[in-house]
Amino acid sequence: MEQVGFIGLGMMGKPMAMNLVSKGVSVTSLDAAGVTIPGAAAAADAAALAQAARLVILMLPDSGIVASVMAALLPALQPGSLVVDMGSSEPGETRRWAAALGQKGCGMLDAPVSGGVTKARAGTLAIMVGGGDADYARAEPVLKAVGENLIRTGGIGSAHAMKALNNYVYAAGLLAVSEAAQMAEAQGLDLGIFASVLNASSGRNIASETKLAQEMTSGRYAGGFQLGLMRKDLETAGSISEQTGVAADMLQLCRGVWTEALSEYGPKVDNTEIHRFIKSRPVTV
């Protein structure tokens, strides 16, 4: 595999980059907070990283930060470079950057991931990939070093769109599980048994399986994904609703509750704290 530049060593990016190093990939890293990883070279800035690697992975929180990084990265990229945005960016922005890269003779893929910190550490992430076939073939060996389920989604921007819609469905499920748990608790029902009922029945979802007992009713609230990032993905889904003309009434209700939670707790708390927010609301009679 070719030399890889990796920008963004946060909760997800750091274990992903460490997996690349552990599998023999030569990595040059860059992180705004100065985080480094053993076995990887550290670039002084985006321009230095662009000179060191022609395949560059971005694992950044949002499109605004991607834009600031790309503004420094793009002028220094070598012709034939490939940028792979593995964060959850806004699809329209992804297409805009792909066009800018194309004008310089470079390529782009959008390759957001799903599976959280646990799967990032294990190298078993699900990765949605949008973009051209030749770019995908080039990046595939690197992507397989951090994920086990690669799903081709279509043209550039399609993966970021699907990731936002996926996270909307997850956020809605997490909210529904939180509300159902509060109602169950108010009736004196055993929440452990309730979780078992959900997971053996038609109400089963990823929130009931991996969050209800483990993070929410336990009070641990450490699922590994920030509430602010969840709200950001809901806004991306909202922009897709507006662009397509689909009313998406449930999405609008969901966005409203998550916006209230964000105002109450701030963006940095874990997304599973939506359960604590639901519990904190006054009981209506």
C-alpha atoms as a PDB file:
ATOM      1  CA  MET A   1       0.000   0.000   0.000  1.00  0.00           C
ATOM      2  CA  GLU A   2       1.135   3.527  -0.763  1.00  0.00           C
ATOM      3  CA  GLN A   3       2.092   6.158   1.778  1.00  0.00           C
ATOM      4  CA  VAL A   4      -0.998   7.518   3.555  1.00  0.00           C
ATOM      5  CA  GLY A   5      -1.498  10.980   4.997  1.00  0.00           C
ATOM      6  CA  PHE A   6      -4.004  10.970   7.865  1.00  0.00           C
ATOM      7  CA  ILE A   7      -5.542  14.215   9.150  1.00  0.00           C
ATOM      8  CA  GLY A   8      -7.624  14.126  12.349  1.00  0.00           C
ATOM      9  CA  LEU A   9      -6.655  11.914  15.287  1.00  0.00           C
ATOM     10  CA  GLY A  10      -9.757  12.264  17.425  1.00  0.00           C
ATOM     11  CA  MET A  11     -11.854   9.546  19.071  1.00  0.00           C
ATOM     12  CA  MET A  12     -12.338   7.735  15.762  1.00  0.00           C
ATOM     13  CA  GLY A  13      -9.342   8.888  13.756  1.00  0.00           C
ATOM     14  CA  LYS A  14      -6.668   7.837  16.226  1.00  0.00           C
ATOM     15  CA  PRO A  15      -7.638   4.143  16.419  1.00  0.00           C
ATOM     16  CA  MET A  16      -8.161   4.057  12.658  1.00  0.00           C
ATOM     17  CA  ALA A  17      -4.688   5.454  12.005  1.00  0.00           C
ATOM     18  CA  MET A  18      -3.206   3.076  14.578  1.00  0.00           C
ATOM     19  CA  ASN A  19      -4.785   0.158  12.714  1.00  0.00           C
ATOM     20  CA  LEU A  20      -3.141   1.320   9.499  1.00  0.00           C
ATOM     21  CA  VAL A  21       0.254   1.452  11.210  1.00  0.00           C
ATOM     22  CA  SER A  22      -0.249  -1.959  12.827  1.00  0.00           C
ATOM     23  CA  LYS A  23      -0.961  -3.451   9.395  1.00  0.00           C
ATOM     24  CA  GLY A  24       2.231  -2.127   7.887  1.00  0.00           C
ATOM     25  CA  VAL A  25       0.947   1.014   6.189  1.00  0.00           C
ATOM     26  CA  SER A  26       3.370   3.941   6.154  1.00  0.00           C
ATOM     27  CA  VAL A  27       1.437   6.844   7.731  1.00  0.00           C
ATOM     28  CA  THR A  28       2.159  10.553   8.054  1.00  0.00           C
ATOM     29  CA  SER A  29      -0.291  12.180  10.454  1.00  0.00           C
ATOM     30  CA  LEU A  30      -1.526  15.668  11.287  1.00  0.00           C
ATOM     31  CA  ASP A  31      -3.812  16.716  14.120  1.00  0.00           C
ATOM     32  CA  ALA A  32      -4.884  20.198  15.228  1.00  0.00           C
ATOM     33  CA  ALA A  33      -4.480  19.253  18.895  1.00  0.00           C
ATOM     34  CA  GLY A  34      -0.983  17.867  18.330  1.00  0.00           C
ATOM     35  CA  VAL A  35      -1.973  14.230  18.852  1.00  0.00           C
ATOM     36  CA  THR A  36       0.509  11.733  17.425  1.00  0.00           C
ATOM     37  CA  ILE A  37       0.622   7.938  17.202  1.00  0.00           C
ATOM     38  CA  PRO A  38       3.564   5.559  17.611  1.00  0.00           C
ATOM     39  CA  GLY A  39       5.030   4.380  14.344  1.00  0.00           C
ATOM     40  CA  ALA A  40       3.711   7.285  12.264  1.00  0.00           C
ATOM     41  CA  ALA A  41       5.581  10.349  11.086  1.00  0.00           C
ATOM     42  CA  ALA A  42       4.067  13.676  12.163  1.00  0.00           C
ATOM     43  CA  ALA A  43       3.708  16.420   9.549  1.00  0.00           C
ATOM     44  CA  ALA A  44       4.343  20.036  10.526  1.00  0.00           C
ATOM     45  CA  ASP A  45       1.325  21.237   8.545  1.00  0.00           C
ATOM     46  CA  ALA A  46      -1.078  20.306   5.744  1.00  0.00           C
ATOM     47  CA  ALA A  47       1.369  21.367   3.041  1.00  0.00           C
ATOM     48  CA  ALA A  48       4.082  19.090   4.442  1.00  0.00           C
ATOM     49  CA  LEU A  49       1.629  16.194   4.641  1.00  0.00           C
ATOM     50  CA  ALA A  50       0.578  16.758   1.018  1.00  0.00           C
ATOM     51  CA  GLN A  51       4.203  16.482  -0.054  1.00  0.00           C
ATOM     52  CA  ALA A  52       4.706  13.279   1.957  1.00  0.00           C
ATOM     53  CA  ALA A  53       1.639  11.353   0.750  1.00  0.00           C
ATOM     54  CA  ARG A  54      -0.526  11.158  -2.359  1.00  0.00           C
ATOM     55  CA  LEU A  55      -3.389   9.332  -0.629  1.00  0.00           C
ATOM     56  CA  VAL A  56      -4.811  11.575   2.090  1.00  0.00           C
ATOM     57  CA  ILE A  57      -7.494  10.547   4.585  1.00  0.00           C
ATOM     58  CA  LEU A  58      -9.563  13.170   6.391  1.00  0.00           C
ATOM     59  CA  MET A  59     -11.291  12.154   9.643  1.00  0.00           C
ATOM     60  CA  LEU A  60     -12.728  15.496  10.720  1.00  0.00           C
ATOM     61  CA  PRO A  61     -15.878  16.498  12.631  1.00  0.00           C
ATOM     62  CA  ASP A  62     -17.767  18.555  10.038  1.00  0.00           C
ATOM     63  CA  SER A  63     -17.699  20.277   6.674  1.00  0.00           C
ATOM     64  CA  GLY A  64     -16.543  23.574   8.157  1.00  0.00           C
ATOM     65  CA  ILE A  65     -13.363  22.005   9.483  1.00  0.00           C
ATOM     66  CA  VAL A  66     -12.914  20.061   6.243  1.00  0.00           C
ATOM     67  CA  ALA A  67     -13.076  23.380   4.384  1.00  0.00           C
ATOM     68  CA  SER A  68     -10.385  24.973   6.553  1.00  0.00           C
ATOM     69  CA  VAL A  69      -8.104  21.945   6.128  1.00  0.00           C
ATOM     70  CA  MET A  70      -8.731  21.715   2.390  1.00  0.00           C
ATOM     71  CA  ALA A  71      -7.905  25.392   1.953  1.00  0.00           C
ATOM     72  CA  ALA A  72      -4.397  24.634   3.225  1.00  0.00           C
ATOM     73  CA  LEU A  73      -4.117  21.162   1.665  1.00  0.00           C
ATOM     74  CA  LEU A  74      -5.362  21.746  -1.874  1.00  0.00           C
ATOM     75  CA  PRO A  75      -2.620  24.114  -3.096  1.00  0.00           C
ATOM     76  CA  ALA A  76       0.098  21.694  -1.941  1.00  0.00           C
ATOM     77  CA  LEU A  77      -1.362  18.446  -3.279  1.00  0.00           C
ATOM     78  CA  GLN A  78       0.672  16.597  -5.859  1.00  0.00           C
ATOM     79  CA  PRO A  79      -1.067  15.847  -9.201  1.00  0.00           C
ATOM     80  CA  GLY A  80      -2.670  12.424  -9.015  1.00  0.00           C
ATOM     81  CA  SER A  81      -3.363  12.680  -5.300  1.00  0.00           C
ATOM     82  CA  LEU A  82      -6.524  11.146  -3.847  1.00  0.00           C
ATOM     83  CA  VAL A  83      -8.390  12.655  -0.889  1.00  0.00           C
ATOM     84  CA  VAL A  84     -10.703  10.351   1.076  1.00  0.00           C
ATOM     85  CA  ASP A  85     -13.120  12.144   3.412  1.00  0.00           C
ATOM     86  CA  MET A  86     -14.079   9.578   6.053  1.00  0.00           C
ATOM     87  CA  GLY A  87     -15.940  11.999   8.311  1.00  0.00           C
ATOM     88  CA  SER A  88     -19.641  12.859   8.091  1.00  0.00           C
ATOM     89  CA  SER A  89     -19.593  15.861   5.788  1.00  0.00           C
ATOM     90  CA  GLU A  90     -22.389  17.687   3.971  1.00  0.00           C
ATOM     91  CA  PRO A  91     -22.875  16.021   0.549  1.00  0.00           C
ATOM     92  CA  GLY A  92     -23.024  19.303  -1.375  1.00  0.00           C
ATOM     93  CA  GLU A  93     -19.724  20.431   0.122  1.00  0.00           C
ATOM     94  CA  THR A  94     -18.175  17.076  -0.753  1.00  0.00           C
ATOM     95  CA  ARG A  95     -19.176  17.474  -4.385  1.00  0.00           C
ATOM     96  CA  ARG A  96     -17.782  21.019  -4.386  1.00  0.00           C
ATOM     97  CA  TRP A  97     -14.392  19.875  -3.110  1.00  0.00           C
ATOM     98  CA  ALA A  98     -14.372  16.974  -5.556  1.00  0.00           C
ATOM     99  CA  ALA A  99     -14.792  19.446  -8.417  1.00  0.00           C
ATOM    100  CA  ALA A 100     -11.967  21.625  -7.060  1.00  0.00           C
ATOM    101  CA  LEU A 101      -9.705  18.601  -6.750  1.00  0.00           C
ATOM    102  CA  GLY A 102     -10.578  17.467 -10.255  1.00  0.00           C
ATOM    103  CA  GLN A 103      -9.415  20.791 -11.650  1.00  0.00           C
ATOM    104  CA  LYS A 104      -6.003  20.069 -10.145  1.00  0.00           C
ATOM    105  CA  GLY A 105      -5.829  16.525 -11.508  1.00  0.00           C
ATOM    106  CA  CYS A 106      -6.674  14.911  -8.166  1.00  0.00           C
ATOM    107  CA  GLY A 107      -9.470  12.591  -7.088  1.00  0.00           C
ATOM    108  CA  MET A 108     -11.840  12.318  -4.150  1.00  0.00           C
ATOM    109  CA  LEU A 109     -13.925   9.697  -2.369  1.00  0.00           C
ATOM    110  CA  ASP A 110     -16.434  10.170   0.414  1.00  0.00           C
ATOM    111  CA  ALA A 111     -16.113   7.222   2.786  1.00  0.00           C
ATOM    112  CA  PRO A 112     -17.921   7.831   6.097  1.00  0.00           C
ATOM    113  CA  VAL A 113     -17.828   5.078   8.673  1.00  0.00           C
ATOM    114  CA  SER A 114     -20.272   3.402  11.055  1.00  0.00           C
ATOM    115  CA  GLY A 115     -19.578   1.310  14.125  1.00  0.00           C
ATOM    116  CA  GLY A 116     -18.267   3.728  16.727  1.00  0.00           C
ATOM    117  CA  VAL A 117     -15.052   3.705  18.688  1.00  0.00           C
ATOM    118  CA  THR A 118     -15.260  -0.008  19.516  1.00  0.00           C
ATOM    119  CA  LYS A 119     -15.203  -1.055  15.864  1.00  0.00           C
ATOM    120  CA  ALA A 120     -12.667   1.627  15.004  1.00  0.00           C
ATOM    121  CA  ARG A 121     -10.286   0.028  17.500  1.00  0.00           C
ATOM    122  CA  ALA A 122     -11.020  -3.452  16.186  1.00  0.00           C
ATOM    123  CA  GLY A 123     -10.666  -2.419  12.528  1.00  0.00           C
ATOM    124  CA  THR A 124     -14.156  -3.716  11.772  1.00  0.00           C
ATOM    125  CA  LEU A 125     -15.967  -0.541  10.744  1.00  0.00           C
ATOM    126  CA  ALA A 126     -18.647  -0.456   8.069  1.00  0.00           C
ATOM    127  CA  ILE A 127     -17.554   2.005   5.386  1.00  0.00           C
ATOM    128  CA  MET A 128     -19.841   3.588   2.793  1.00  0.00           C
ATOM    129  CA  VAL A 129     -17.902   4.733  -0.280  1.00  0.00           C
ATOM    130  CA  GLY A 130     -18.955   7.193  -2.968  1.00  0.00           C
ATOM    131  CA  GLY A 131     -16.895   8.172  -6.011  1.00  0.00           C
ATOM    132  CA  GLY A 132     -15.310   6.783  -9.149  1.00  0.00           C
ATOM    133  CA  ASP A 133     -14.322   3.158  -9.679  1.00  0.00           C
ATOM    134  CA  ALA A 134     -10.633   3.854 -10.294  1.00  0.00           C
ATOM    135  CA  ASP A 135     -10.340   5.934  -7.141  1.00  0.00           C
ATOM    136  CA  TYR A 136     -12.159   3.239  -5.173  1.00  0.00           C
ATOM    137  CA  ALA A 137      -9.834   0.511  -6.489  1.00  0.00           C
ATOM    138  CA  ARG A 138      -6.849   2.576  -5.417  1.00  0.00           C
ATOM    139  CA  ALA A 139      -8.176   3.241  -1.907  1.00  0.00           C
ATOM    140  CA  GLU A 140      -9.725  -0.191  -1.296  1.00  0.00           C
ATOM    141  CA  PRO A 141      -6.658  -1.859   0.302  1.00  0.00           C
ATOM    142  CA  VAL A 142      -6.307   1.038   2.746  1.00  0.00           C
ATOM    143  CA  LEU A 143     -10.019   1.061   3.560  1.00  0.00           C
ATOM    144  CA  LYS A 144      -9.936  -2.684   4.201  1.00  0.00           C
ATOM    145  CA  ALA A 145      -7.235  -2.075   6.803  1.00  0.00           C
ATOM    146  CA  VAL A 146      -9.731  -0.137   8.947  1.00  0.00           C
ATOM    147  CA  GLY A 147     -13.063  -1.714   8.008  1.00  0.00           C
ATOM    148  CA  GLU A 148     -14.556  -5.087   7.202  1.00  0.00           C
ATOM    149  CA  ASN A 149     -17.735  -4.123   5.353  1.00  0.00           C
ATOM    150  CA  LEU A 150     -17.219  -1.776   2.387  1.00  0.00           C
ATOM    151  CA  ILE A 151     -20.418  -0.654   0.647  1.00  0.00           C
ATOM    152  CA  ARG A 152     -20.271   1.168  -2.681  1.00  0.00           C
ATOM    153  CA  THR A 153     -22.996   3.817  -2.657  1.00  0.00           C
ATOM    154  CA  GLY A 154     -22.673   5.511  -6.062  1.00  0.00           C
ATOM    155  CA  GLY A 155     -21.207   8.826  -7.183  1.00  0.00           C
ATOM    156  CA  ILE A 156     -19.315  11.345  -5.100  1.00  0.00           C
ATOM    157  CA  GLY A 157     -21.396  12.657  -2.199  1.00  0.00           C
ATOM    158  CA  SER A 158     -23.707   9.632  -2.136  1.00  0.00           C
ATOM    159  CA  ALA A 159     -21.959   8.046   0.849  1.00  0.00           C
ATOM    160  CA  HIS A 160     -22.151  11.211   2.942  1.00  0.00           C
ATOM    161  CA  ALA A 161     -25.862  11.492   2.097  1.00  0.00           C
ATOM    162  CA  MET A 162     -26.520   7.887   3.083  1.00  0.00           C
ATOM    163  CA  LYS A 163     -24.537   8.285   6.308  1.00  0.00           C
ATOM    164  CA  ALA A 164     -26.627  11.306   7.318  1.00  0.00           C
ATOM    165  CA  LEU A 165     -29.861   9.449   6.608  1.00  0.00           C
ATOM    166  CA  ASN A 166     -28.577   6.395   8.483  1.00  0.00           C
ATOM    167  CA  ASN A 167     -27.760   8.552  11.501  1.00  0.00           C
ATOM    168  CA  TYR A 168     -31.221  10.101  11.375  1.00  0.00           C
ATOM    169  CA  VAL A 169     -32.758   6.624  11.647  1.00  0.00           C
ATOM    170  CA  TYR A 170     -30.366   5.807  14.509  1.00  0.00           C
ATOM    171  CA  ALA A 171     -31.157   9.085  16.307  1.00  0.00           C
ATOM    172  CA  ALA A 172     -34.882   8.437  15.964  1.00  0.00           C
ATOM    173  CA  GLY A 173     -34.425   4.925  17.376  1.00  0.00           C
ATOM    174  CA  LEU A 174     -32.352   6.206  20.279  1.00  0.00           C
ATOM    175  CA  LEU A 175     -34.994   8.805  21.064  1.00  0.00           C
ATOM    176  CA  ALA A 176     -37.813   6.251  20.860  1.00  0.00           C
ATOM    177  CA  VAL A 177     -35.960   3.838  23.146  1.00  0.00           C
ATOM    178  CA  SER A 178     -35.325   6.656  25.631  1.00  0.00           C
ATOM    179  CA  GLU A 179     -38.986   7.658  25.725  1.00  0.00           C
ATOM    180  CA  ALA A 180     -40.175   4.056  25.963  1.00  0.00           C
ATOM    181  CA  ALA A 181     -37.752   3.400  28.826  1.00  0.00           C
ATOM    182  CA  GLN A 182     -39.039   6.431  30.702  1.00  0.00           C
ATOM    183  CA  MET A 183     -42.643   5.241  30.320  1.00  0.00           C
ATOM    184  CA  ALA A 184     -41.686   1.740  31.413  1.00  0.00           C
ATOM    185  CA  GLU A 185     -39.874   3.078  34.480  1.00  0.00           C
ATOM    186  CA  ALA A 186     -42.841   5.318  35.367  1.00  0.00           C
ATOM    187  CA  GLN A 187     -45.009   2.195  35.486  1.00  0.00           C
ATOM    188  CA  GLY A 188     -42.558   0.405  37.758  1.00  0.00           C
ATOM    189  CA  LEU A 189     -41.462  -2.031  35.082  1.00  0.00           C
ATOM    190  CA  ASP A 190     -38.078  -3.738  35.250  1.00  0.00           C
ATOM    191  CA  LEU A 191     -35.881  -2.019  32.653  1.00  0.00           C
ATOM    192  CA  GLY A 192     -33.575  -5.018  32.336  1.00  0.00           C
ATOM    193  CA  ILE A 193     -36.508  -7.213  31.408  1.00  0.00           C
ATOM    194  CA  PHE A 194     -37.854  -4.471  29.155  1.00  0.00           C
ATOM    195  CA  ALA A 195     -34.541  -4.418  27.269  1.00  0.00           C
ATOM    196  CA  SER A 196     -34.781  -8.197  26.844  1.00  0.00           C
ATOM    197  CA  VAL A 197     -38.336  -7.854  25.520  1.00  0.00           C
ATOM    198  CA  LEU A 198     -37.292  -5.214  22.981  1.00  0.00           C
ATOM    199  CA  ASN A 199     -34.326  -7.245  21.798  1.00  0.00           C
ATOM    200  CA  ALA A 200     -36.397 -10.405  21.364  1.00  0.00           C
ATOM    201  CA  SER A 201     -39.223  -8.581  19.600  1.00  0.00           C
ATOM    202  CA  SER A 202     -40.055  -6.217  16.770  1.00  0.00           C
ATOM    203  CA  GLY A 203     -38.880  -3.148  18.717  1.00  0.00           C
ATOM    204  CA  ARG A 204     -35.258  -4.287  18.490  1.00  0.00           C
ATOM    205  CA  ASN A 205     -32.785  -1.771  17.089  1.00  0.00           C
ATOM    206  CA  ILE A 206     -29.145  -0.826  17.603  1.00  0.00           C
ATOM    207  CA  ALA A 207     -30.096   1.497  20.474  1.00  0.00           C
ATOM    208  CA  SER A 208     -31.974  -1.219  22.344  1.00  0.00           C
ATOM    209  CA  GLU A 209     -29.230  -3.765  21.682  1.00  0.00           C
ATOM    210  CA  THR A 210     -26.091  -1.763  22.437  1.00  0.00           C
ATOM    211  CA  LYS A 211     -27.135   1.386  24.307  1.00  0.00           C
ATOM    212  CA  LEU A 212     -30.167   0.887  26.560  1.00  0.00           C
ATOM    213  CA  ALA A 213     -28.678  -1.337  29.274  1.00  0.00           C
ATOM    214  CA  GLN A 214     -25.014  -0.661  28.568  1.00  0.00           C
ATOM    215  CA  GLU A 215     -25.041   3.155  28.495  1.00  0.00           C
ATOM    216  CA  MET A 216     -28.444   4.594  29.351  1.00  0.00           C
ATOM    217  CA  THR A 217     -30.084   2.783  32.260  1.00  0.00           C
ATOM    218  CA  SER A 218     -26.614   2.123  33.702  1.00  0.00           C
ATOM    219  CA  GLY A 219     -25.956   5.879  33.703  1.00  0.00           C
ATOM    220  CA  ARG A 220     -22.560   5.365  32.038  1.00  0.00           C
ATOM    221  CA  TYR A 221     -23.359   7.512  28.984  1.00  0.00           C
ATOM    222  CA  ALA A 222     -20.151   6.686  27.148  1.00  0.00           C
ATOM    223  CA  GLY A 223     -21.211   5.322  23.762  1.00  0.00           C
ATOM    224  CA  GLY A 224     -18.394   7.160  21.973  1.00  0.00           C
ATOM    225  CA  PHE A 225     -20.278   9.639  19.764  1.00  0.00           C
ATOM    226  CA  GLN A 226     -20.894  13.247  20.761  1.00  0.00           C
ATOM    227  CA  LEU A 227     -24.383  14.708  20.970  1.00  0.00           C
ATOM    228  CA  GLY A 228     -23.299  17.693  18.879  1.00  0.00           C
ATOM    229  CA  LEU A 229     -22.169  15.444  16.043  1.00  0.00           C
ATOM    230  CA  MET A 230     -25.505  13.628  16.113  1.00  0.00           C
ATOM    231  CA  ARG A 231     -27.338  16.956  15.912  1.00  0.00           C
ATOM    232  CA  LYS A 232     -25.059  17.978  13.019  1.00  0.00           C
ATOM    233  CA  ASP A 233     -25.967  14.807  11.092  1.00  0.00           C
ATOM    234  CA  LEU A 234     -29.661  15.520  11.688  1.00  0.00           C
ATOM    235  CA  GLU A 235     -29.146  18.973  10.180  1.00  0.00           C
ATOM    236  CA  THR A 236     -27.533  17.358   7.135  1.00  0.00           C
ATOM    237  CA  ALA A 237     -30.544  15.049   6.838  1.00  0.00           C
ATOM    238  CA  GLY A 238     -32.732  18.136   7.167  1.00  0.00           C
ATOM    239  CA  SER A 239     -30.935  19.813   4.269  1.00  0.00           C
ATOM    240  CA  ILE A 240     -31.537  16.684   2.176  1.00  0.00           C
ATOM    241  CA  SER A 241     -35.244  16.915   3.080  1.00  0.00           C
ATOM    242  CA  GLU A 242     -35.335  20.518   1.897  1.00  0.00           C
ATOM    243  CA  GLN A 243     -33.400  19.822  -1.302  1.00  0.00           C
ATOM    244  CA  THR A 244     -35.597  16.866  -2.270  1.00  0.00           C
ATOM    245  CA  GLY A 245     -38.920  18.362  -1.213  1.00  0.00           C
ATOM    246  CA  VAL A 246     -39.677  15.424   1.083  1.00  0.00           C
ATOM    247  CA  ALA A 247     -41.592  16.718   4.123  1.00  0.00           C
ATOM    248  CA  ALA A 248     -40.042  14.178   6.558  1.00  0.00           C
ATOM    249  CA  ASP A 249     -42.334  15.086   9.471  1.00  0.00           C
ATOM    250  CA  MET A 250     -40.718  12.627  11.882  1.00  0.00           C
ATOM    251  CA  LEU A 251     -37.292  14.033  11.058  1.00  0.00           C
ATOM    252  CA  GLN A 252     -38.491  17.524  11.974  1.00  0.00           C
ATOM    253  CA  LEU A 253     -39.831  16.301  15.321  1.00  0.00           C
ATOM    254  CA  CYS A 254     -36.600  14.425  15.991  1.00  0.00           C
ATOM    255  CA  ARG A 255     -34.460  17.459  15.132  1.00  0.00           C
ATOM    256  CA  GLY A 256     -36.477  19.565  17.563  1.00  0.00           C
ATOM    257  CA  VAL A 257     -35.870  17.272  20.536  1.00  0.00           C
ATOM    258  CA  TRP A 258     -32.158  16.849  19.784  1.00  0.00           C
ATOM    259  CA  THR A 259     -31.836  20.634  19.429  1.00  0.00           C
ATOM    260  CA  GLU A 260     -33.360  21.073  22.899  1.00  0.00           C
ATOM    261  CA  ALA A 261     -30.937  18.507  24.323  1.00  0.00           C
ATOM    262  CA  LEU A 262     -28.013  20.282  22.670  1.00  0.00           C
ATOM    263  CA  SER A 263     -29.080  23.590  24.224  1.00  0.00           C
ATOM    264  CA  GLU A 264     -29.319  21.931  27.638  1.00  0.00           C
ATOM    265  CA  TYR A 265     -26.137  19.830  27.676  1.00  0.00           C
ATOM    266  CA  GLY A 266     -23.863  21.268  24.985  1.00  0.00           C
ATOM    267  CA  PRO A 267     -22.249  19.468  22.043  1.00  0.00           C
ATOM    268  CA  LYS A 268     -19.511  17.499  23.822  1.00  0.00           C
ATOM    269  CA  VAL A 269     -21.572  15.081  25.929  1.00  0.00           C
ATOM    270  CA  ASP A 270     -22.219  11.565  24.649  1.00  0.00           C
ATOM    271  CA  ASN A 271     -25.182  11.082  22.346  1.00  0.00           C
ATOM    272  CA  THR A 272     -26.714   8.550  24.742  1.00  0.00           C
ATOM    273  CA  GLU A 273     -27.350  11.423  27.150  1.00  0.00           C
ATOM    274  CA  ILE A 274     -30.493  12.028  25.134  1.00  0.00           C
ATOM    275  CA  HIS A 275     -31.894   9.468  27.604  1.00  0.00           C
ATOM    276  CA  ARG A 276     -30.933  11.669  30.572  1.00  0.00           C
ATOM    277  CA  PHE A 277     -32.489  14.658  28.823  1.00  0.00           C
ATOM    278  CA  ILE A 278     -35.766  12.781  28.272  1.00  0.00           C
ATOM    279  CA  LYS A 279     -35.795  11.734  31.934  1.00  0.00           C
ATOM    280  CA  SER A 280     -35.221  15.333  33.032  1.00  0.00           C
ATOM    281  CA  ARG A 281     -38.282  16.675  31.260  1.00  0.00           C
ATOM    282  CA  PRO A 282     -41.391  17.329  33.379  1.00  0.00           C
ATOM    283  CA  VAL A 283     -43.882  14.463  33.468  1.00  0.00           C
ATOM    284  CA  THR A 284     -47.196  15.546  31.955  1.00  0.00           C
ATOM    285  CA  VAL A 285     -50.528  14.305  33.286  1.00  0.00           C
END
